[in-house]
Amino acid sequence: MGECRALLANVTLQVSLSDGCRWRLDNSGNYSVRSVYHMLTTGGNPIVDEAPTLVWHKHVSLKVSILAWRLLRNRLPTKSNLAVRGIMVQDEHLCVSGCGGVETAQHLFVSFPIFRDLWQHVRARIGVSGVDPL
């Protein structure tokens, strides 16, 4: 409870303003196809660029920070990464679960059936709509 209070200590609620979403890729805060196109063509990714401040936050345990850092940089020892590095035979890069998918970080954390369903439940629980990665 104390940790939650500390996180919310600097939050100021303003009755005169309504809650809303802000699009980070455009200075106006509004979504535009142009801003997405610019991000895709220039290679900038504000979510990954801001990741160090979120990943290495003092309230996140070290092992979770290291996992998130490696995940964002595609440095986890997945079968796909091991095959690319020549540590494993290329033909053995399929998921250990037998689902037939290539074992990548994307597959393991997002599109693997168990975790895909888990993320849908999490999004529904916190009231966030999301697009199914498949």
N, C-alpha and C. Protein backbone atom coordinates (compact mmCIF):
# COMPACT_ATOMS: atom_id res chain seq x y z
N MET A 1 0.83 -1.19 0.00
CA MET A 1 0.00 0.00 0.00
C MET A 1 0.87 1.25 0.00
N GLY A 2 1.94 1.21 0.80
CA GLY A 2 2.85 2.36 0.86
C GLY A 2 3.53 2.62 -0.47
N GLU A 3 3.89 1.55 -1.15
CA GLU A 3 4.52 1.69 -2.47
C GLU A 3 3.56 2.32 -3.47
N CYS A 4 2.30 1.93 -3.41
CA CYS A 4 1.28 2.51 -4.28
C CYS A 4 1.10 3.99 -3.99
N ARG A 5 1.06 4.35 -2.72
CA ARG A 5 0.94 5.76 -2.34
C ARG A 5 2.13 6.58 -2.85
N ALA A 6 3.32 5.99 -2.76
CA ALA A 6 4.52 6.69 -3.23
C ALA A 6 4.47 6.93 -4.73
N LEU A 7 3.97 5.94 -5.47
CA LEU A 7 3.86 6.11 -6.92
C LEU A 7 2.86 7.18 -7.31
N LEU A 8 1.81 7.33 -6.50
CA LEU A 8 0.76 8.30 -6.81
C LEU A 8 0.96 9.65 -6.12
N ALA A 9 2.03 9.82 -5.39
CA ALA A 9 2.26 11.05 -4.63
C ALA A 9 2.34 12.28 -5.52
N ASN A 10 2.89 12.15 -6.71
CA ASN A 10 3.05 13.31 -7.60
C ASN A 10 1.92 13.48 -8.60
N VAL A 11 0.88 12.65 -8.50
CA VAL A 11 -0.25 12.74 -9.41
C VAL A 11 -1.23 13.77 -8.89
N THR A 12 -1.60 14.70 -9.76
CA THR A 12 -2.56 15.72 -9.39
C THR A 12 -3.80 15.56 -10.26
N LEU A 13 -4.93 15.32 -9.64
CA LEU A 13 -6.18 15.20 -10.37
C LEU A 13 -6.78 16.58 -10.55
N GLN A 14 -7.28 16.84 -11.76
CA GLN A 14 -7.87 18.13 -12.05
C GLN A 14 -9.32 17.92 -12.47
N VAL A 15 -10.23 18.45 -11.69
CA VAL A 15 -11.65 18.27 -11.93
C VAL A 15 -12.08 18.90 -13.25
N SER A 16 -11.44 19.99 -13.64
CA SER A 16 -11.85 20.71 -14.85
C SER A 16 -11.43 20.02 -16.14
N LEU A 17 -10.55 19.03 -16.06
CA LEU A 17 -10.09 18.33 -17.25
C LEU A 17 -10.60 16.90 -17.25
N SER A 18 -10.99 16.43 -18.43
CA SER A 18 -11.45 15.05 -18.53
C SER A 18 -10.29 14.14 -18.93
N ASP A 19 -10.42 12.87 -18.57
CA ASP A 19 -9.39 11.90 -18.95
C ASP A 19 -9.39 11.72 -20.46
N GLY A 20 -8.24 11.37 -20.97
CA GLY A 20 -8.16 11.14 -22.41
C GLY A 20 -6.85 10.47 -22.77
N CYS A 21 -6.76 10.08 -24.02
CA CYS A 21 -5.55 9.44 -24.52
C CYS A 21 -4.74 10.45 -25.32
N ARG A 22 -3.44 10.30 -25.26
CA ARG A 22 -2.55 11.20 -25.99
C ARG A 22 -1.67 10.36 -26.90
N TRP A 23 -1.59 10.72 -28.18
CA TRP A 23 -0.78 10.02 -29.17
C TRP A 23 0.63 10.59 -29.11
N ARG A 24 1.58 9.77 -28.70
CA ARG A 24 2.95 10.22 -28.46
C ARG A 24 3.73 10.53 -29.73
N LEU A 25 3.31 10.00 -30.86
CA LEU A 25 4.07 10.20 -32.10
C LEU A 25 3.83 11.55 -32.75
N ASP A 26 2.87 12.30 -32.26
CA ASP A 26 2.58 13.61 -32.85
C ASP A 26 2.56 14.65 -31.72
N ASN A 27 3.17 15.80 -31.95
CA ASN A 27 3.23 16.84 -30.92
C ASN A 27 1.85 17.34 -30.51
N SER A 28 0.87 17.24 -31.43
CA SER A 28 -0.48 17.69 -31.10
C SER A 28 -1.17 16.74 -30.13
N GLY A 29 -0.67 15.50 -30.04
CA GLY A 29 -1.29 14.51 -29.18
C GLY A 29 -2.39 13.74 -29.88
N ASN A 30 -2.64 14.05 -31.15
CA ASN A 30 -3.68 13.38 -31.91
C ASN A 30 -3.07 12.38 -32.88
N TYR A 31 -3.78 11.28 -33.10
CA TYR A 31 -3.31 10.26 -34.03
C TYR A 31 -3.34 10.78 -35.46
N SER A 32 -2.30 10.43 -36.21
CA SER A 32 -2.29 10.73 -37.64
C SER A 32 -1.51 9.65 -38.36
N VAL A 33 -1.95 9.31 -39.56
CA VAL A 33 -1.25 8.33 -40.37
C VAL A 33 0.14 8.84 -40.69
N ARG A 34 0.26 10.14 -40.88
CA ARG A 34 1.55 10.75 -41.20
C ARG A 34 2.58 10.48 -40.10
N SER A 35 2.17 10.59 -38.84
CA SER A 35 3.11 10.36 -37.74
C SER A 35 3.55 8.89 -37.68
N VAL A 36 2.64 7.97 -37.97
CA VAL A 36 3.00 6.55 -37.99
C VAL A 36 3.93 6.28 -39.16
N TYR A 37 3.61 6.85 -40.33
CA TYR A 37 4.46 6.67 -41.51
C TYR A 37 5.87 7.21 -41.23
N HIS A 38 5.94 8.37 -40.60
CA HIS A 38 7.24 8.96 -40.27
C HIS A 38 8.02 8.06 -39.33
N MET A 39 7.36 7.52 -38.32
CA MET A 39 8.03 6.63 -37.38
C MET A 39 8.53 5.38 -38.09
N LEU A 40 7.72 4.81 -38.98
CA LEU A 40 8.11 3.58 -39.67
C LEU A 40 9.24 3.81 -40.67
N THR A 41 9.25 4.94 -41.33
CA THR A 41 10.27 5.20 -42.35
C THR A 41 11.58 5.72 -41.77
N THR A 42 11.53 6.34 -40.60
CA THR A 42 12.78 6.84 -39.99
C THR A 42 13.37 5.85 -39.01
N GLY A 43 12.62 4.84 -38.65
CA GLY A 43 13.14 3.82 -37.74
C GLY A 43 13.05 4.19 -36.28
N GLY A 44 12.52 5.34 -35.95
CA GLY A 44 12.37 5.74 -34.55
C GLY A 44 11.23 4.99 -33.90
N ASN A 45 11.38 4.62 -32.67
CA ASN A 45 10.33 3.96 -31.93
C ASN A 45 10.31 4.55 -30.52
N PRO A 46 9.38 5.48 -30.27
CA PRO A 46 9.37 6.15 -28.96
C PRO A 46 9.13 5.20 -27.80
N ILE A 47 8.44 4.10 -28.03
CA ILE A 47 8.19 3.17 -26.93
C ILE A 47 9.49 2.50 -26.53
N VAL A 48 10.27 2.04 -27.51
CA VAL A 48 11.55 1.41 -27.20
C VAL A 48 12.55 2.46 -26.73
N ASP A 49 12.49 3.68 -27.30
CA ASP A 49 13.41 4.73 -26.89
C ASP A 49 13.20 5.13 -25.43
N GLU A 50 11.96 5.06 -24.94
CA GLU A 50 11.66 5.41 -23.56
C GLU A 50 11.75 4.21 -22.63
N ALA A 51 11.99 3.04 -23.19
CA ALA A 51 12.02 1.82 -22.40
C ALA A 51 13.01 1.84 -21.25
N PRO A 52 14.23 2.40 -21.43
CA PRO A 52 15.16 2.36 -20.30
C PRO A 52 14.62 2.98 -19.01
N THR A 53 13.85 4.05 -19.12
CA THR A 53 13.31 4.67 -17.91
C THR A 53 12.24 3.80 -17.27
N LEU A 54 11.54 2.98 -18.09
CA LEU A 54 10.53 2.09 -17.54
C LEU A 54 11.13 0.77 -17.07
N VAL A 55 12.05 0.24 -17.87
CA VAL A 55 12.66 -1.06 -17.55
C VAL A 55 13.51 -0.98 -16.31
N TRP A 56 14.32 0.05 -16.20
CA TRP A 56 15.25 0.17 -15.07
C TRP A 56 14.67 1.05 -13.96
N HIS A 57 13.37 0.98 -13.75
CA HIS A 57 12.71 1.74 -12.70
C HIS A 57 13.05 1.13 -11.34
N LYS A 58 13.19 1.96 -10.33
CA LYS A 58 13.61 1.49 -9.01
C LYS A 58 12.61 0.54 -8.36
N HIS A 59 11.35 0.58 -8.79
CA HIS A 59 10.33 -0.29 -8.20
C HIS A 59 10.21 -1.63 -8.92
N VAL A 60 10.99 -1.83 -9.97
CA VAL A 60 10.97 -3.09 -10.72
C VAL A 60 12.15 -3.92 -10.26
N SER A 61 11.90 -5.19 -9.96
CA SER A 61 12.99 -6.04 -9.49
C SER A 61 14.02 -6.24 -10.59
N LEU A 62 15.26 -6.48 -10.21
CA LEU A 62 16.36 -6.59 -11.15
C LEU A 62 16.13 -7.70 -12.18
N LYS A 63 15.66 -8.86 -11.74
CA LYS A 63 15.47 -9.96 -12.69
C LYS A 63 14.38 -9.64 -13.72
N VAL A 64 13.35 -8.91 -13.32
CA VAL A 64 12.31 -8.50 -14.26
C VAL A 64 12.87 -7.46 -15.22
N SER A 65 13.68 -6.53 -14.72
CA SER A 65 14.30 -5.52 -15.57
C SER A 65 15.20 -6.16 -16.63
N ILE A 66 15.98 -7.13 -16.22
CA ILE A 66 16.89 -7.81 -17.15
C ILE A 66 16.09 -8.57 -18.21
N LEU A 67 15.04 -9.26 -17.80
CA LEU A 67 14.19 -9.97 -18.75
C LEU A 67 13.57 -8.99 -19.75
N ALA A 68 13.03 -7.89 -19.26
CA ALA A 68 12.40 -6.90 -20.15
C ALA A 68 13.42 -6.28 -21.10
N TRP A 69 14.60 -5.98 -20.59
CA TRP A 69 15.66 -5.39 -21.42
C TRP A 69 16.05 -6.35 -22.55
N ARG A 70 16.24 -7.63 -22.19
CA ARG A 70 16.60 -8.63 -23.20
C ARG A 70 15.46 -8.86 -24.18
N LEU A 71 14.22 -8.83 -23.70
CA LEU A 71 13.06 -9.03 -24.56
C LEU A 71 12.94 -7.90 -25.58
N LEU A 72 13.07 -6.67 -25.13
CA LEU A 72 12.95 -5.52 -26.04
C LEU A 72 14.05 -5.49 -27.10
N ARG A 73 15.19 -6.07 -26.80
CA ARG A 73 16.31 -6.08 -27.74
C ARG A 73 16.47 -7.42 -28.47
N ASN A 74 15.48 -8.29 -28.32
CA ASN A 74 15.49 -9.61 -28.96
C ASN A 74 16.76 -10.38 -28.61
N ARG A 75 17.12 -10.39 -27.35
CA ARG A 75 18.34 -11.06 -26.89
C ARG A 75 18.04 -12.26 -25.98
N LEU A 76 16.81 -12.73 -25.99
CA LEU A 76 16.48 -13.92 -25.21
C LEU A 76 16.96 -15.16 -25.96
N PRO A 77 17.36 -16.21 -25.24
CA PRO A 77 17.85 -17.42 -25.90
C PRO A 77 16.73 -18.30 -26.46
N THR A 78 15.94 -17.74 -27.36
CA THR A 78 14.90 -18.53 -28.02
C THR A 78 15.55 -19.44 -29.04
N LYS A 79 14.84 -20.46 -29.46
CA LYS A 79 15.41 -21.39 -30.44
C LYS A 79 15.74 -20.67 -31.74
N SER A 80 14.92 -19.71 -32.12
CA SER A 80 15.18 -18.95 -33.33
C SER A 80 16.49 -18.18 -33.23
N ASN A 81 16.70 -17.49 -32.11
CA ASN A 81 17.96 -16.74 -31.91
C ASN A 81 19.16 -17.68 -31.84
N LEU A 82 19.00 -18.81 -31.19
CA LEU A 82 20.11 -19.76 -31.10
C LEU A 82 20.45 -20.34 -32.48
N ALA A 83 19.43 -20.55 -33.31
CA ALA A 83 19.68 -21.06 -34.66
C ALA A 83 20.39 -20.02 -35.52
N VAL A 84 20.00 -18.76 -35.39
CA VAL A 84 20.64 -17.68 -36.15
C VAL A 84 22.11 -17.55 -35.75
N ARG A 85 22.42 -17.77 -34.49
CA ARG A 85 23.80 -17.65 -34.00
C ARG A 85 24.63 -18.91 -34.22
N GLY A 86 24.00 -19.94 -34.81
CA GLY A 86 24.73 -21.17 -35.11
C GLY A 86 24.92 -22.09 -33.92
N ILE A 87 24.21 -21.84 -32.83
CA ILE A 87 24.33 -22.67 -31.64
C ILE A 87 23.44 -23.90 -31.77
N MET A 88 22.40 -23.78 -32.56
CA MET A 88 21.42 -24.83 -32.72
C MET A 88 21.19 -25.07 -34.20
N VAL A 89 20.79 -26.25 -34.56
CA VAL A 89 20.50 -26.56 -35.96
C VAL A 89 19.24 -25.80 -36.38
N GLN A 90 19.29 -25.20 -37.57
CA GLN A 90 18.18 -24.38 -38.07
C GLN A 90 16.86 -25.17 -38.11
N ASP A 91 16.92 -26.46 -38.38
CA ASP A 91 15.70 -27.27 -38.49
C ASP A 91 15.01 -27.50 -37.14
N GLU A 92 15.67 -27.21 -36.04
CA GLU A 92 15.11 -27.46 -34.72
C GLU A 92 14.63 -26.18 -34.04
N HIS A 93 14.17 -25.21 -34.81
CA HIS A 93 13.78 -23.92 -34.24
C HIS A 93 12.29 -23.82 -33.91
N LEU A 94 11.55 -24.93 -34.02
CA LEU A 94 10.12 -24.89 -33.72
C LEU A 94 9.89 -24.92 -32.21
N CYS A 95 8.76 -24.36 -31.80
CA CYS A 95 8.39 -24.22 -30.39
C CYS A 95 8.36 -25.57 -29.69
N VAL A 96 8.87 -25.60 -28.48
CA VAL A 96 8.95 -26.82 -27.68
C VAL A 96 7.56 -27.37 -27.34
N SER A 97 6.52 -26.55 -27.39
CA SER A 97 5.17 -27.00 -27.03
C SER A 97 4.56 -27.89 -28.10
N GLY A 98 5.14 -27.89 -29.30
CA GLY A 98 4.59 -28.70 -30.39
C GLY A 98 3.47 -28.01 -31.14
N CYS A 99 3.31 -26.71 -30.95
CA CYS A 99 2.24 -25.97 -31.62
C CYS A 99 2.56 -25.71 -33.09
N GLY A 100 3.80 -25.92 -33.50
CA GLY A 100 4.17 -25.74 -34.90
C GLY A 100 4.73 -24.37 -35.23
N GLY A 101 4.73 -23.45 -34.28
CA GLY A 101 5.26 -22.10 -34.52
C GLY A 101 6.76 -22.05 -34.28
N VAL A 102 7.39 -21.08 -34.92
CA VAL A 102 8.82 -20.86 -34.70
C VAL A 102 8.98 -20.21 -33.33
N GLU A 103 9.90 -20.71 -32.52
CA GLU A 103 10.09 -20.20 -31.16
C GLU A 103 10.86 -18.89 -31.19
N THR A 104 10.12 -17.78 -31.22
CA THR A 104 10.69 -16.44 -31.13
C THR A 104 10.14 -15.79 -29.87
N ALA A 105 10.68 -14.65 -29.49
CA ALA A 105 10.16 -13.93 -28.33
C ALA A 105 8.72 -13.51 -28.57
N GLN A 106 8.42 -13.04 -29.79
CA GLN A 106 7.05 -12.65 -30.15
C GLN A 106 6.10 -13.83 -29.95
N HIS A 107 6.52 -15.01 -30.42
CA HIS A 107 5.67 -16.20 -30.29
C HIS A 107 5.47 -16.57 -28.82
N LEU A 108 6.55 -16.61 -28.07
CA LEU A 108 6.46 -17.05 -26.67
C LEU A 108 5.67 -16.09 -25.79
N PHE A 109 5.84 -14.78 -26.00
CA PHE A 109 5.23 -13.81 -25.09
C PHE A 109 3.90 -13.24 -25.57
N VAL A 110 3.59 -13.37 -26.86
CA VAL A 110 2.38 -12.73 -27.37
C VAL A 110 1.46 -13.68 -28.13
N SER A 111 1.99 -14.41 -29.10
CA SER A 111 1.10 -15.18 -29.97
C SER A 111 0.91 -16.64 -29.57
N PHE A 112 1.69 -17.15 -28.63
CA PHE A 112 1.50 -18.51 -28.14
C PHE A 112 0.09 -18.58 -27.54
N PRO A 113 -0.71 -19.60 -27.90
CA PRO A 113 -2.13 -19.60 -27.51
C PRO A 113 -2.41 -19.30 -26.03
N ILE A 114 -1.64 -19.86 -25.11
CA ILE A 114 -1.90 -19.63 -23.69
C ILE A 114 -1.69 -18.16 -23.34
N PHE A 115 -0.57 -17.58 -23.80
CA PHE A 115 -0.27 -16.19 -23.46
C PHE A 115 -1.14 -15.21 -24.23
N ARG A 116 -1.53 -15.57 -25.46
CA ARG A 116 -2.44 -14.71 -26.22
C ARG A 116 -3.74 -14.56 -25.45
N ASP A 117 -4.27 -15.67 -24.93
CA ASP A 117 -5.51 -15.62 -24.14
C ASP A 117 -5.30 -14.86 -22.84
N LEU A 118 -4.13 -15.05 -22.22
CA LEU A 118 -3.82 -14.34 -20.98
C LEU A 118 -3.83 -12.83 -21.21
N TRP A 119 -3.17 -12.37 -22.28
CA TRP A 119 -3.12 -10.94 -22.57
C TRP A 119 -4.51 -10.38 -22.87
N GLN A 120 -5.37 -11.18 -23.53
CA GLN A 120 -6.74 -10.73 -23.78
C GLN A 120 -7.49 -10.53 -22.46
N HIS A 121 -7.29 -11.44 -21.51
CA HIS A 121 -7.93 -11.30 -20.20
C HIS A 121 -7.39 -10.09 -19.44
N VAL A 122 -6.08 -9.88 -19.51
CA VAL A 122 -5.48 -8.72 -18.83
C VAL A 122 -6.04 -7.43 -19.42
N ARG A 123 -6.09 -7.33 -20.76
CA ARG A 123 -6.63 -6.13 -21.40
C ARG A 123 -8.09 -5.91 -21.02
N ALA A 124 -8.87 -6.97 -20.99
CA ALA A 124 -10.28 -6.85 -20.61
C ALA A 124 -10.41 -6.42 -19.15
N ARG A 125 -9.57 -6.96 -18.29
CA ARG A 125 -9.63 -6.66 -16.86
C ARG A 125 -9.32 -5.19 -16.57
N ILE A 126 -8.32 -4.65 -17.28
CA ILE A 126 -7.95 -3.25 -17.02
C ILE A 126 -8.68 -2.27 -17.94
N GLY A 127 -9.55 -2.80 -18.82
CA GLY A 127 -10.36 -1.94 -19.66
C GLY A 127 -9.62 -1.32 -20.83
N VAL A 128 -8.63 -2.03 -21.36
CA VAL A 128 -7.87 -1.53 -22.50
C VAL A 128 -8.20 -2.39 -23.71
N SER A 129 -8.59 -1.74 -24.79
CA SER A 129 -8.83 -2.51 -26.00
C SER A 129 -7.53 -2.67 -26.75
N GLY A 130 -7.33 -3.81 -27.33
CA GLY A 130 -6.10 -4.07 -28.05
C GLY A 130 -6.36 -4.88 -29.30
N VAL A 131 -5.40 -4.87 -30.16
CA VAL A 131 -5.49 -5.62 -31.40
C VAL A 131 -4.79 -6.95 -31.20
N ASP A 132 -5.45 -8.02 -31.61
CA ASP A 132 -4.85 -9.34 -31.53
C ASP A 132 -3.64 -9.36 -32.47
N PRO A 133 -2.47 -9.78 -31.98
CA PRO A 133 -1.27 -9.74 -32.81
C PRO A 133 -1.34 -10.63 -34.04
N LEU A 134 -2.25 -11.59 -34.04
CA LEU A 134 -2.38 -12.46 -35.21
C LEU A 134 -3.33 -11.85 -36.20
